[in-house]
Amino acid sequence: MDYQRSDRVGDLLLEVVADLLRREIRDPRLQWLNLTGAKVSKDLRHAKVFFNLLSEAGDKDAAMAGLKSAAGFIRSKVGKKLSLRFVPAIEFAYDDSEMEARRIDSLLNNVKQ
């Protein structure tokens, strides 16, 4: 199985961002945030970090705004922690796969009955 360097960098990026959110960023908009994955381009210049919310109490738009405001700080800290020639530009995206899985599961249960 071929494990690309971009996949390894994505895993490290996800770990560093999660640690930053837990220890250094104190934004109340990000308290219900859960990071689900990271996808890094092959040239390691762009990264997309996926997140969802732990409960329905969190606001997706507020969390996105909080992440966008902290993106520069996160990128600078990632640059210091990872020894890469270029620090990837980080973009955040909401991961709605869990909600989609629930919807499909409920549809299958309806068909089953």
C-alpha atoms as a PDB file:
ATOM      1  CA  MET A   1       0.000   0.000   0.000  1.00  0.00           C
ATOM      2  CA  ASP A   2       1.359   3.386  -0.992  1.00  0.00           C
ATOM      3  CA  TYR A   3       1.338   5.947   1.809  1.00  0.00           C
ATOM      4  CA  GLN A   4       1.988   9.384   0.328  1.00  0.00           C
ATOM      5  CA  ARG A   5       3.987  12.099   2.044  1.00  0.00           C
ATOM      6  CA  SER A   6       0.983  14.404   1.788  1.00  0.00           C
ATOM      7  CA  ASP A   7      -1.025  11.893   3.850  1.00  0.00           C
ATOM      8  CA  ARG A   8       1.638  11.833   6.554  1.00  0.00           C
ATOM      9  CA  VAL A   9       1.821  15.630   6.606  1.00  0.00           C
ATOM     10  CA  GLY A  10      -1.989  15.730   6.826  1.00  0.00           C
ATOM     11  CA  ASP A  11      -1.938  13.457   9.851  1.00  0.00           C
ATOM     12  CA  LEU A  12       0.710  15.598  11.555  1.00  0.00           C
ATOM     13  CA  LEU A  13      -1.151  18.782  10.651  1.00  0.00           C
ATOM     14  CA  LEU A  14      -4.353  17.437  12.161  1.00  0.00           C
ATOM     15  CA  GLU A  15      -2.505  16.506  15.353  1.00  0.00           C
ATOM     16  CA  VAL A  16      -0.859  19.933  15.679  1.00  0.00           C
ATOM     17  CA  VAL A  17      -4.078  21.854  14.972  1.00  0.00           C
ATOM     18  CA  ALA A  18      -6.003  19.745  17.493  1.00  0.00           C
ATOM     19  CA  ASP A  19      -3.327  20.409  20.098  1.00  0.00           C
ATOM     20  CA  LEU A  20      -3.439  24.144  19.384  1.00  0.00           C
ATOM     21  CA  LEU A  21      -7.218  24.230  19.684  1.00  0.00           C
ATOM     22  CA  ARG A  22      -7.069  22.369  22.960  1.00  0.00           C
ATOM     23  CA  ARG A  23      -4.198  24.256  24.605  1.00  0.00           C
ATOM     24  CA  GLU A  24      -3.693  27.717  23.111  1.00  0.00           C
ATOM     25  CA  ILE A  25      -6.827  28.986  21.390  1.00  0.00           C
ATOM     26  CA  ARG A  26      -9.468  30.182  23.830  1.00  0.00           C
ATOM     27  CA  ASP A  27     -12.231  31.196  21.424  1.00  0.00           C
ATOM     28  CA  PRO A  28     -15.685  30.276  22.825  1.00  0.00           C
ATOM     29  CA  ARG A  29     -16.962  29.735  19.276  1.00  0.00           C
ATOM     30  CA  LEU A  30     -14.637  26.745  19.005  1.00  0.00           C
ATOM     31  CA  GLN A  31     -15.593  24.902  22.188  1.00  0.00           C
ATOM     32  CA  TRP A  32     -17.877  22.338  20.463  1.00  0.00           C
ATOM     33  CA  LEU A  33     -15.449  21.666  17.623  1.00  0.00           C
ATOM     34  CA  ASN A  34     -14.233  18.243  16.561  1.00  0.00           C
ATOM     35  CA  LEU A  35     -11.571  17.838  13.865  1.00  0.00           C
ATOM     36  CA  THR A  36     -12.343  14.932  11.568  1.00  0.00           C
ATOM     37  CA  GLY A  37      -9.605  14.936   8.957  1.00  0.00           C
ATOM     38  CA  ALA A  38      -7.068  16.803   6.880  1.00  0.00           C
ATOM     39  CA  LYS A  39      -6.354  16.641   3.171  1.00  0.00           C
ATOM     40  CA  VAL A  40      -3.048  18.070   1.940  1.00  0.00           C
ATOM     41  CA  SER A  41      -2.239  18.646  -1.719  1.00  0.00           C
ATOM     42  CA  LYS A  42       0.580  16.646  -3.312  1.00  0.00           C
ATOM     43  CA  ASP A  43       2.843  19.708  -3.453  1.00  0.00           C
ATOM     44  CA  LEU A  44       2.186  20.378   0.275  1.00  0.00           C
ATOM     45  CA  ARG A  45       1.146  23.986  -0.412  1.00  0.00           C
ATOM     46  CA  HIS A  46      -2.568  23.731   0.435  1.00  0.00           C
ATOM     47  CA  ALA A  47      -4.356  21.931   3.237  1.00  0.00           C
ATOM     48  CA  LYS A  48      -8.023  21.506   3.979  1.00  0.00           C
ATOM     49  CA  VAL A  49      -8.928  20.642   7.570  1.00  0.00           C
ATOM     50  CA  PHE A  50     -12.395  19.189   8.119  1.00  0.00           C
ATOM     51  CA  PHE A  51     -14.422  19.675  11.274  1.00  0.00           C
ATOM     52  CA  ASN A  52     -17.853  19.002  12.706  1.00  0.00           C
ATOM     53  CA  LEU A  53     -19.602  19.995  15.897  1.00  0.00           C
ATOM     54  CA  LEU A  54     -19.905  17.745  18.935  1.00  0.00           C
ATOM     55  CA  SER A  55     -23.442  18.803  19.745  1.00  0.00           C
ATOM     56  CA  GLU A  56     -26.359  20.600  18.219  1.00  0.00           C
ATOM     57  CA  ALA A  57     -25.689  23.476  20.644  1.00  0.00           C
ATOM     58  CA  GLY A  58     -22.750  24.649  18.538  1.00  0.00           C
ATOM     59  CA  ASP A  59     -23.202  27.040  15.638  1.00  0.00           C
ATOM     60  CA  LYS A  60     -21.522  25.970  12.392  1.00  0.00           C
ATOM     61  CA  ASP A  61     -21.197  29.521  11.028  1.00  0.00           C
ATOM     62  CA  ALA A  62     -19.752  30.847  14.291  1.00  0.00           C
ATOM     63  CA  ALA A  63     -17.245  27.982  14.412  1.00  0.00           C
ATOM     64  CA  MET A  64     -16.228  28.678  10.812  1.00  0.00           C
ATOM     65  CA  ALA A  65     -15.752  32.372  11.645  1.00  0.00           C
ATOM     66  CA  GLY A  66     -13.657  31.455  14.694  1.00  0.00           C
ATOM     67  CA  LEU A  67     -11.453  29.156  12.646  1.00  0.00           C
ATOM     68  CA  LYS A  68     -10.999  31.751   9.920  1.00  0.00           C
ATOM     69  CA  SER A  69      -9.963  34.358  12.474  1.00  0.00           C
ATOM     70  CA  ALA A  70      -7.452  31.944  14.026  1.00  0.00           C
ATOM     71  CA  ALA A  71      -6.108  30.619  10.694  1.00  0.00           C
ATOM     72  CA  GLY A  72      -3.057  32.906  10.625  1.00  0.00           C
ATOM     73  CA  PHE A  73      -2.108  32.035  14.191  1.00  0.00           C
ATOM     74  CA  ILE A  74      -2.605  28.323  13.475  1.00  0.00           C
ATOM     75  CA  ARG A  75      -0.497  28.508  10.315  1.00  0.00           C
ATOM     76  CA  SER A  76       2.359  30.269  12.114  1.00  0.00           C
ATOM     77  CA  LYS A  77       2.354  27.695  14.933  1.00  0.00           C
ATOM     78  CA  VAL A  78       2.209  24.823  12.422  1.00  0.00           C
ATOM     79  CA  GLY A  79       5.217  26.315  10.659  1.00  0.00           C
ATOM     80  CA  LYS A  80       7.181  26.310  13.905  1.00  0.00           C
ATOM     81  CA  LYS A  81       6.179  22.766  14.905  1.00  0.00           C
ATOM     82  CA  LEU A  82       6.605  21.029  11.535  1.00  0.00           C
ATOM     83  CA  SER A  83       9.888  21.268   9.697  1.00  0.00           C
ATOM     84  CA  LEU A  84       8.604  21.843   6.176  1.00  0.00           C
ATOM     85  CA  ARG A  85      10.066  24.003   3.459  1.00  0.00           C
ATOM     86  CA  PHE A  86       6.648  25.538   2.820  1.00  0.00           C
ATOM     87  CA  VAL A  87       3.864  25.844   5.368  1.00  0.00           C
ATOM     88  CA  PRO A  88       0.590  24.898   3.693  1.00  0.00           C
ATOM     89  CA  ALA A  89      -2.190  27.453   3.384  1.00  0.00           C
ATOM     90  CA  ILE A  90      -4.877  26.114   5.713  1.00  0.00           C
ATOM     91  CA  GLU A  91      -8.543  26.149   4.773  1.00  0.00           C
ATOM     92  CA  PHE A  92     -11.295  24.881   7.051  1.00  0.00           C
ATOM     93  CA  ALA A  93     -14.393  23.055   5.817  1.00  0.00           C
ATOM     94  CA  TYR A  94     -17.428  21.673   7.591  1.00  0.00           C
ATOM     95  CA  ASP A  95     -17.679  17.873   7.423  1.00  0.00           C
ATOM     96  CA  ASP A  96     -21.307  16.834   7.141  1.00  0.00           C
ATOM     97  CA  SER A  97     -20.618  13.145   6.548  1.00  0.00           C
ATOM     98  CA  GLU A  98     -22.008  12.164   9.970  1.00  0.00           C
ATOM     99  CA  MET A  99     -25.337  13.880   9.278  1.00  0.00           C
ATOM    100  CA  GLU A 100     -25.431  12.308   5.821  1.00  0.00           C
ATOM    101  CA  ALA A 101     -24.769   8.869   7.338  1.00  0.00           C
ATOM    102  CA  ARG A 102     -27.645   9.371   9.800  1.00  0.00           C
ATOM    103  CA  ARG A 103     -29.954  10.399   6.949  1.00  0.00           C
ATOM    104  CA  ILE A 104     -29.036   7.333   4.891  1.00  0.00           C
ATOM    105  CA  ASP A 105     -29.435   5.088   7.941  1.00  0.00           C
ATOM    106  CA  SER A 106     -32.924   6.451   8.609  1.00  0.00           C
ATOM    107  CA  LEU A 107     -33.870   5.979   4.946  1.00  0.00           C
ATOM    108  CA  LEU A 108     -32.666   2.370   5.082  1.00  0.00           C
ATOM    109  CA  ASN A 109     -34.630   1.774   8.278  1.00  0.00           C
ATOM    110  CA  ASN A 110     -37.761   3.170   6.618  1.00  0.00           C
ATOM    111  CA  VAL A 111     -37.301   0.884   3.612  1.00  0.00           C
ATOM    112  CA  LYS A 112     -36.666  -2.099   5.904  1.00  0.00           C
ATOM    113  CA  GLN A 113     -39.954  -1.545   7.715  1.00  0.00           C
END
